[in-house]
């Protein structure tokens, strides 16, 4: 009836694994922020990206700031 999912390996938050990467998390760094945006311009959810809740909130805030000052697009076509 329902297919059981395999547990798999838990993804590790890239910001917790690399403290220098966490220090670079800023709206003025669009290259880093683009890693967490889909090809359509949507923010990647944490269940897919593996980012911790704390850094996902921070990441979302910085992406929205970068969009507001036109460093990132709101949508890609």
PDB file of N, CA and C in Angstrom:
ATOM      1  N   UNK A   1       0.815  -1.180   0.000  1.00  0.00           N
ATOM      2  CA  UNK A   1       0.000   0.000   0.000  1.00  0.00           C
ATOM      3  C   UNK A   1       0.869   1.258   0.000  1.00  0.00           C
ATOM      4  N   UNK A   2       1.604   1.507   1.077  1.00  0.00           N
ATOM      5  CA  UNK A   2       2.508   2.641   1.133  1.00  0.00           C
ATOM      6  C   UNK A   2       3.939   2.135   1.051  1.00  0.00           C
ATOM      7  N   UNK A   3       4.726   2.842   0.293  1.00  0.00           N
ATOM      8  CA  UNK A   3       6.126   2.475   0.162  1.00  0.00           C
ATOM      9  C   UNK A   3       6.906   3.088   1.319  1.00  0.00           C
ATOM     10  N   UNK A   4       7.646   2.274   2.030  1.00  0.00           N
ATOM     11  CA  UNK A   4       8.424   2.766   3.166  1.00  0.00           C
ATOM     12  C   UNK A   4       9.714   3.412   2.666  1.00  0.00           C
ATOM     13  N   UNK A   5       9.997   4.588   3.191  1.00  0.00           N
ATOM     14  CA  UNK A   5      11.213   5.285   2.805  1.00  0.00           C
ATOM     15  C   UNK A   5      12.404   4.735   3.584  1.00  0.00           C
ATOM     16  N   UNK A   6      13.529   4.698   2.913  1.00  0.00           N
ATOM     17  CA  UNK A   6      14.738   4.278   3.614  1.00  0.00           C
ATOM     18  C   UNK A   6      15.259   5.461   4.430  1.00  0.00           C
ATOM     19  N   UNK A   7      15.846   5.160   5.566  1.00  0.00           N
ATOM     20  CA  UNK A   7      16.314   6.205   6.473  1.00  0.00           C
ATOM     21  C   UNK A   7      17.404   7.048   5.819  1.00  0.00           C
ATOM     22  N   UNK A   8      18.363   6.428   5.166  1.00  0.00           N
ATOM     23  CA  UNK A   8      19.438   7.174   4.512  1.00  0.00           C
ATOM     24  C   UNK A   8      20.313   7.900   5.517  1.00  0.00           C
ATOM     25  N   UNK A   9      21.249   8.644   4.980  1.00  0.00           N
ATOM     26  CA  UNK A   9      22.155   9.393   5.830  1.00  0.00           C
ATOM     27  C   UNK A   9      21.649  10.802   6.023  1.00  0.00           C
ATOM     28  N   UNK A  10      21.746  11.303   7.221  1.00  0.00           N
ATOM     29  CA  UNK A  10      21.311  12.654   7.539  1.00  0.00           C
ATOM     30  C   UNK A  10      22.300  13.653   6.935  1.00  0.00           C
ATOM     31  N   UNK A  11      21.772  14.702   6.303  1.00  0.00           N
ATOM     32  CA  UNK A  11      22.649  15.711   5.720  1.00  0.00           C
ATOM     33  C   UNK A  11      23.217  16.602   6.817  1.00  0.00           C
ATOM     34  N   UNK A  12      24.444  17.012   6.640  1.00  0.00           N
ATOM     35  CA  UNK A  12      25.117  17.861   7.616  1.00  0.00           C
ATOM     36  C   UNK A  12      25.017  19.304   7.136  1.00  0.00           C
ATOM     37  N   UNK A  13      24.707  20.196   8.057  1.00  0.00           N
ATOM     38  CA  UNK A  13      24.596  21.612   7.730  1.00  0.00           C
ATOM     39  C   UNK A  13      25.960  22.141   7.282  1.00  0.00           C
ATOM     40  N   UNK A  14      26.049  22.712   6.083  1.00  0.00           N
ATOM     41  CA  UNK A  14      27.343  23.208   5.613  1.00  0.00           C
ATOM     42  C   UNK A  14      27.874  24.371   6.453  1.00  0.00           C
ATOM     43  N   UNK A  15      26.984  25.123   7.097  1.00  0.00           N
ATOM     44  CA  UNK A  15      27.410  26.267   7.905  1.00  0.00           C
ATOM     45  C   UNK A  15      27.946  25.826   9.259  1.00  0.00           C
ATOM     46  N   UNK A  16      27.433  24.730   9.794  1.00  0.00           N
ATOM     47  CA  UNK A  16      27.962  24.207  11.050  1.00  0.00           C
ATOM     48  C   UNK A  16      29.274  23.466  10.826  1.00  0.00           C
ATOM     49  N   UNK A  17      29.412  22.848   9.651  1.00  0.00           N
ATOM     50  CA  UNK A  17      30.622  22.107   9.335  1.00  0.00           C
ATOM     51  C   UNK A  17      31.803  23.034   9.040  1.00  0.00           C
ATOM     52  N   UNK A  18      31.521  24.200   8.468  1.00  0.00           N
ATOM     53  CA  UNK A  18      32.577  25.136   8.084  1.00  0.00           C
ATOM     54  C   UNK A  18      32.260  26.515   8.655  1.00  0.00           C
ATOM     55  N   UNK A  19      32.968  26.904   9.699  1.00  0.00           N
ATOM     56  CA  UNK A  19      32.713  28.177  10.379  1.00  0.00           C
ATOM     57  C   UNK A  19      33.025  29.380   9.476  1.00  0.00           C
ATOM     58  N   UNK A  20      33.977  29.238   8.558  1.00  0.00           N
ATOM     59  CA  UNK A  20      34.296  30.327   7.650  1.00  0.00           C
ATOM     60  C   UNK A  20      33.150  30.586   6.685  1.00  0.00           C
ATOM     61  N   UNK A  21      32.474  29.513   6.280  1.00  0.00           N
ATOM     62  CA  UNK A  21      31.316  29.649   5.402  1.00  0.00           C
ATOM     63  C   UNK A  21      30.196  30.389   6.121  1.00  0.00           C
ATOM     64  N   UNK A  22      30.016  30.102   7.406  1.00  0.00           N
ATOM     65  CA  UNK A  22      28.989  30.785   8.205  1.00  0.00           C
ATOM     66  C   UNK A  22      29.307  32.274   8.321  1.00  0.00           C
ATOM     67  N   UNK A  23      30.575  32.613   8.402  1.00  0.00           N
ATOM     68  CA  UNK A  23      30.966  34.023   8.496  1.00  0.00           C
ATOM     69  C   UNK A  23      30.717  34.749   7.181  1.00  0.00           C
ATOM     70  N   UNK A  24      30.708  34.027   6.059  1.00  0.00           N
ATOM     71  CA  UNK A  24      30.489  34.625   4.746  1.00  0.00           C
ATOM     72  C   UNK A  24      29.011  34.793   4.418  1.00  0.00           C
ATOM     73  N   UNK A  25      28.134  34.257   5.247  1.00  0.00           N
ATOM     74  CA  UNK A  25      26.695  34.326   4.982  1.00  0.00           C
ATOM     75  C   UNK A  25      26.220  35.764   5.167  1.00  0.00           C
ATOM     76  N   UNK A  26      26.094  36.463   4.027  1.00  0.00           N
ATOM     77  CA  UNK A  26      25.720  37.869   4.033  1.00  0.00           C
ATOM     78  C   UNK A  26      25.031  38.178   2.711  1.00  0.00           C
ATOM     79  N   UNK A  27      24.157  39.164   2.705  1.00  0.00           N
ATOM     80  CA  UNK A  27      23.434  39.504   1.483  1.00  0.00           C
ATOM     81  C   UNK A  27      24.356  40.032   0.391  1.00  0.00           C
ATOM     82  N   UNK A  28      25.543  40.477   0.761  1.00  0.00           N
ATOM     83  CA  UNK A  28      26.499  41.005  -0.211  1.00  0.00           C
ATOM     84  C   UNK A  28      27.324  39.909  -0.887  1.00  0.00           C
ATOM     85  N   UNK A  29      27.018  38.656  -0.605  1.00  0.00           N
ATOM     86  CA  UNK A  29      27.731  37.524  -1.190  1.00  0.00           C
ATOM     87  C   UNK A  29      26.758  36.681  -2.024  1.00  0.00           C
ATOM     88  N   UNK A  30      26.373  37.156  -3.212  1.00  0.00           N
ATOM     89  CA  UNK A  30      25.372  36.434  -4.005  1.00  0.00           C
ATOM     90  C   UNK A  30      25.842  35.072  -4.519  1.00  0.00           C
ATOM     91  N   UNK A  31      27.155  34.874  -4.671  1.00  0.00           N
ATOM     92  CA  UNK A  31      27.652  33.577  -5.142  1.00  0.00           C
ATOM     93  C   UNK A  31      27.289  32.467  -4.148  1.00  0.00           C
ATOM     94  N   UNK A  32      27.450  32.758  -2.863  1.00  0.00           N
ATOM     95  CA  UNK A  32      27.102  31.785  -1.828  1.00  0.00           C
ATOM     96  C   UNK A  32      25.592  31.570  -1.773  1.00  0.00           C
ATOM     97  N   UNK A  33      24.837  32.644  -1.855  1.00  0.00           N
ATOM     98  CA  UNK A  33      23.380  32.550  -1.755  1.00  0.00           C
ATOM     99  C   UNK A  33      22.765  31.798  -2.933  1.00  0.00           C
ATOM    100  N   UNK A  34      23.390  31.886  -4.102  1.00  0.00           N
ATOM    101  CA  UNK A  34      22.870  31.188  -5.292  1.00  0.00           C
ATOM    102  C   UNK A  34      22.879  29.673  -5.128  1.00  0.00           C
ATOM    103  N   UNK A  35      23.746  29.165  -4.267  1.00  0.00           N
ATOM    104  CA  UNK A  35      23.778  27.711  -4.006  1.00  0.00           C
ATOM    105  C   UNK A  35      22.489  27.224  -3.369  1.00  0.00           C
ATOM    106  N   UNK A  36      21.740  28.129  -2.724  1.00  0.00           N
ATOM    107  CA  UNK A  36      20.537  27.759  -1.998  1.00  0.00           C
ATOM    108  C   UNK A  36      19.278  28.285  -2.674  1.00  0.00           C
ATOM    109  N   UNK A  37      19.371  28.542  -3.981  1.00  0.00           N
ATOM    110  CA  UNK A  37      18.231  28.974  -4.783  1.00  0.00           C
ATOM    111  C   UNK A  37      18.113  28.026  -5.968  1.00  0.00           C
ATOM    112  N   UNK A  38      16.885  27.648  -6.315  1.00  0.00           N
ATOM    113  CA  UNK A  38      16.671  26.754  -7.455  1.00  0.00           C
ATOM    114  C   UNK A  38      16.894  27.511  -8.757  1.00  0.00           C
ATOM    115  N   UNK A  39      16.861  26.770  -9.851  1.00  0.00           N
ATOM    116  CA  UNK A  39      17.028  27.408 -11.157  1.00  0.00           C
ATOM    117  C   UNK A  39      15.851  28.318 -11.499  1.00  0.00           C
ATOM    118  N   UNK A  40      14.735  28.182 -10.796  1.00  0.00           N
ATOM    119  CA  UNK A  40      13.568  29.057 -10.987  1.00  0.00           C
ATOM    120  C   UNK A  40      13.576  30.247 -10.027  1.00  0.00           C
ATOM    121  N   UNK A  41      14.549  30.312  -9.118  1.00  0.00           N
ATOM    122  CA  UNK A  41      14.663  31.441  -8.210  1.00  0.00           C
ATOM    123  C   UNK A  41      14.020  31.237  -6.849  1.00  0.00           C
ATOM    124  N   UNK A  42      13.613  30.018  -6.548  1.00  0.00           N
ATOM    125  CA  UNK A  42      12.976  29.746  -5.260  1.00  0.00           C
ATOM    126  C   UNK A  42      14.021  29.318  -4.230  1.00  0.00           C
ATOM    127  N   UNK A  43      13.760  29.631  -2.969  1.00  0.00           N
ATOM    128  CA  UNK A  43      14.657  29.255  -1.886  1.00  0.00           C
ATOM    129  C   UNK A  43      14.507  27.758  -1.628  1.00  0.00           C
ATOM    130  N   UNK A  44      15.628  27.051  -1.571  1.00  0.00           N
ATOM    131  CA  UNK A  44      15.617  25.597  -1.375  1.00  0.00           C
ATOM    132  C   UNK A  44      15.237  25.282   0.076  1.00  0.00           C
ATOM    133  N   UNK A  45      14.278  24.389   0.314  1.00  0.00           N
ATOM    134  CA  UNK A  45      13.893  24.047   1.687  1.00  0.00           C
ATOM    135  C   UNK A  45      15.000  23.290   2.412  1.00  0.00           C
ATOM    136  N   UNK A  46      14.982  23.345   3.721  1.00  0.00           N
ATOM    137  CA  UNK A  46      16.068  22.746   4.507  1.00  0.00           C
ATOM    138  C   UNK A  46      16.076  21.237   4.458  1.00  0.00           C
ATOM    139  N   UNK A  47      14.948  20.607   4.207  1.00  0.00           N
ATOM    140  CA  UNK A  47      14.945  19.139   4.102  1.00  0.00           C
ATOM    141  C   UNK A  47      15.726  18.670   2.878  1.00  0.00           C
ATOM    142  N   UNK A  48      15.862  19.544   1.879  1.00  0.00           N
ATOM    143  CA  UNK A  48      16.627  19.217   0.678  1.00  0.00           C
ATOM    144  C   UNK A  48      18.070  19.690   0.804  1.00  0.00           C
ATOM    145  N   UNK A  49      18.261  20.912   1.308  1.00  0.00           N
ATOM    146  CA  UNK A  49      19.615  21.475   1.384  1.00  0.00           C
ATOM    147  C   UNK A  49      20.418  20.944   2.569  1.00  0.00           C
ATOM    148  N   UNK A  50      19.737  20.511   3.644  1.00  0.00           N
ATOM    149  CA  UNK A  50      20.439  19.997   4.814  1.00  0.00           C
ATOM    150  C   UNK A  50      20.891  21.079   5.775  1.00  0.00           C
ATOM    151  N   UNK A  51      20.444  22.314   5.575  1.00  0.00           N
ATOM    152  CA  UNK A  51      20.831  23.430   6.435  1.00  0.00           C
ATOM    153  C   UNK A  51      20.049  23.341   7.749  1.00  0.00           C
ATOM    154  N   UNK A  52      20.690  23.684   8.867  1.00  0.00           N
ATOM    155  CA  UNK A  52      20.011  23.666  10.163  1.00  0.00           C
ATOM    156  C   UNK A  52      18.962  24.766  10.215  1.00  0.00           C
ATOM    157  N   UNK A  53      18.022  24.668  11.153  1.00  0.00           N
ATOM    158  CA  UNK A  53      16.922  25.630  11.250  1.00  0.00           C
ATOM    159  C   UNK A  53      17.429  27.046  11.493  1.00  0.00           C
ATOM    160  N   UNK A  54      18.414  27.170  12.358  1.00  0.00           N
ATOM    161  CA  UNK A  54      18.981  28.488  12.669  1.00  0.00           C
ATOM    162  C   UNK A  54      19.552  29.152  11.421  1.00  0.00           C
ATOM    163  N   UNK A  55      20.333  28.413  10.663  1.00  0.00           N
ATOM    164  CA  UNK A  55      20.957  28.983   9.479  1.00  0.00           C
ATOM    165  C   UNK A  55      19.979  29.098   8.320  1.00  0.00           C
ATOM    166  N   UNK A  56      18.924  28.284   8.289  1.00  0.00           N
ATOM    167  CA  UNK A  56      17.914  28.430   7.246  1.00  0.00           C
ATOM    168  C   UNK A  56      17.172  29.758   7.414  1.00  0.00           C
ATOM    169  N   UNK A  57      16.871  30.132   8.651  1.00  0.00           N
ATOM    170  CA  UNK A  57      16.225  31.422   8.903  1.00  0.00           C
ATOM    171  C   UNK A  57      17.137  32.569   8.480  1.00  0.00           C
ATOM    172  N   UNK A  58      18.401  32.456   8.839  1.00  0.00           N
ATOM    173  CA  UNK A  58      19.372  33.490   8.483  1.00  0.00           C
ATOM    174  C   UNK A  58      19.578  33.559   6.966  1.00  0.00           C
ATOM    175  N   UNK A  59      19.664  32.394   6.336  1.00  0.00           N
ATOM    176  CA  UNK A  59      19.843  32.294   4.891  1.00  0.00           C
ATOM    177  C   UNK A  59      18.666  32.927   4.160  1.00  0.00           C
ATOM    178  N   UNK A  60      17.452  32.631   4.604  1.00  0.00           N
ATOM    179  CA  UNK A  60      16.256  33.192   3.990  1.00  0.00           C
ATOM    180  C   UNK A  60      16.252  34.713   4.098  1.00  0.00           C
ATOM    181  N   UNK A  61      16.603  35.217   5.268  1.00  0.00           N
ATOM    182  CA  UNK A  61      16.647  36.669   5.484  1.00  0.00           C
ATOM    183  C   UNK A  61      17.663  37.321   4.550  1.00  0.00           C
ATOM    184  N   UNK A  62      18.836  36.721   4.411  1.00  0.00           N
ATOM    185  CA  UNK A  62      19.884  37.297   3.568  1.00  0.00           C
ATOM    186  C   UNK A  62      19.521  37.223   2.084  1.00  0.00           C
ATOM    187  N   UNK A  63      18.861  36.148   1.666  1.00  0.00           N
ATOM    188  CA  UNK A  63      18.411  36.032   0.269  1.00  0.00           C
ATOM    189  C   UNK A  63      17.391  37.124  -0.033  1.00  0.00           C
ATOM    190  N   UNK A  64      16.460  37.337   0.880  1.00  0.00           N
ATOM    191  CA  UNK A  64      15.449  38.375   0.668  1.00  0.00           C
ATOM    192  C   UNK A  64      16.064  39.766   0.652  1.00  0.00           C
ATOM    193  N   UNK A  65      17.061  40.004   1.476  1.00  0.00           N
ATOM    194  CA  UNK A  65      17.765  41.289   1.454  1.00  0.00           C
ATOM    195  C   UNK A  65      18.502  41.486   0.133  1.00  0.00           C
ATOM    196  N   UNK A  66      19.159  40.424  -0.343  1.00  0.00           N
ATOM    197  CA  UNK A  66      19.890  40.506  -1.611  1.00  0.00           C
ATOM    198  C   UNK A  66      18.933  40.758  -2.774  1.00  0.00           C
ATOM    199  N   UNK A  67      17.746  40.198  -2.714  1.00  0.00           N
ATOM    200  CA  UNK A  67      16.747  40.460  -3.753  1.00  0.00           C
ATOM    201  C   UNK A  67      16.303  41.919  -3.706  1.00  0.00           C
ATOM    202  N   UNK A  68      16.130  42.453  -2.505  1.00  0.00           N
ATOM    203  CA  UNK A  68      15.651  43.831  -2.345  1.00  0.00           C
ATOM    204  C   UNK A  68      16.632  44.849  -2.920  1.00  0.00           C
ATOM    205  N   UNK A  69      17.928  44.577  -2.827  1.00  0.00           N
ATOM    206  CA  UNK A  69      18.926  45.500  -3.371  1.00  0.00           C
ATOM    207  C   UNK A  69      19.426  45.052  -4.750  1.00  0.00           C
ATOM    208  N   UNK A  70      18.680  44.141  -5.382  1.00  0.00           N
ATOM    209  CA  UNK A  70      18.902  43.691  -6.762  1.00  0.00           C
ATOM    210  C   UNK A  70      20.219  42.953  -6.979  1.00  0.00           C
ATOM    211  N   UNK A  71      20.731  42.267  -5.956  1.00  0.00           N
ATOM    212  CA  UNK A  71      21.897  41.410  -6.147  1.00  0.00           C
ATOM    213  C   UNK A  71      21.472  40.008  -6.611  1.00  0.00           C
ATOM    214  N   UNK A  72      20.228  39.631  -6.282  1.00  0.00           N
ATOM    215  CA  UNK A  72      19.642  38.371  -6.728  1.00  0.00           C
ATOM    216  C   UNK A  72      18.285  38.665  -7.353  1.00  0.00           C
ATOM    217  N   UNK A  73      17.885  37.888  -8.351  1.00  0.00           N
ATOM    218  CA  UNK A  73      16.572  38.099  -8.952  1.00  0.00           C
ATOM    219  C   UNK A  73      15.464  37.473  -8.095  1.00  0.00           C
ATOM    220  N   UNK A  74      14.268  38.032  -8.198  1.00  0.00           N
ATOM    221  CA  UNK A  74      13.118  37.447  -7.506  1.00  0.00           C
ATOM    222  C   UNK A  74      12.701  36.153  -8.199  1.00  0.00           C
ATOM    223  N   UNK A  75      12.780  36.125  -9.504  1.00  0.00           N
ATOM    224  CA  UNK A  75      12.415  34.929 -10.272  1.00  0.00           C
ATOM    225  C   UNK A  75      13.311  34.838 -11.500  1.00  0.00           C
ATOM    226  N   UNK A  76      13.617  33.620 -11.888  1.00  0.00           N
ATOM    227  CA  UNK A  76      14.400  33.382 -13.103  1.00  0.00           C
ATOM    228  C   UNK A  76      13.494  32.750 -14.142  1.00  0.00           C
ATOM    229  N   UNK A  77      13.651  33.142 -15.361  1.00  0.00           N
ATOM    230  CA  UNK A  77      12.809  32.571 -16.428  1.00  0.00           C
ATOM    231  C   UNK A  77      13.585  31.640 -17.293  1.00  0.00           C
TER     232      UNK A  77
END
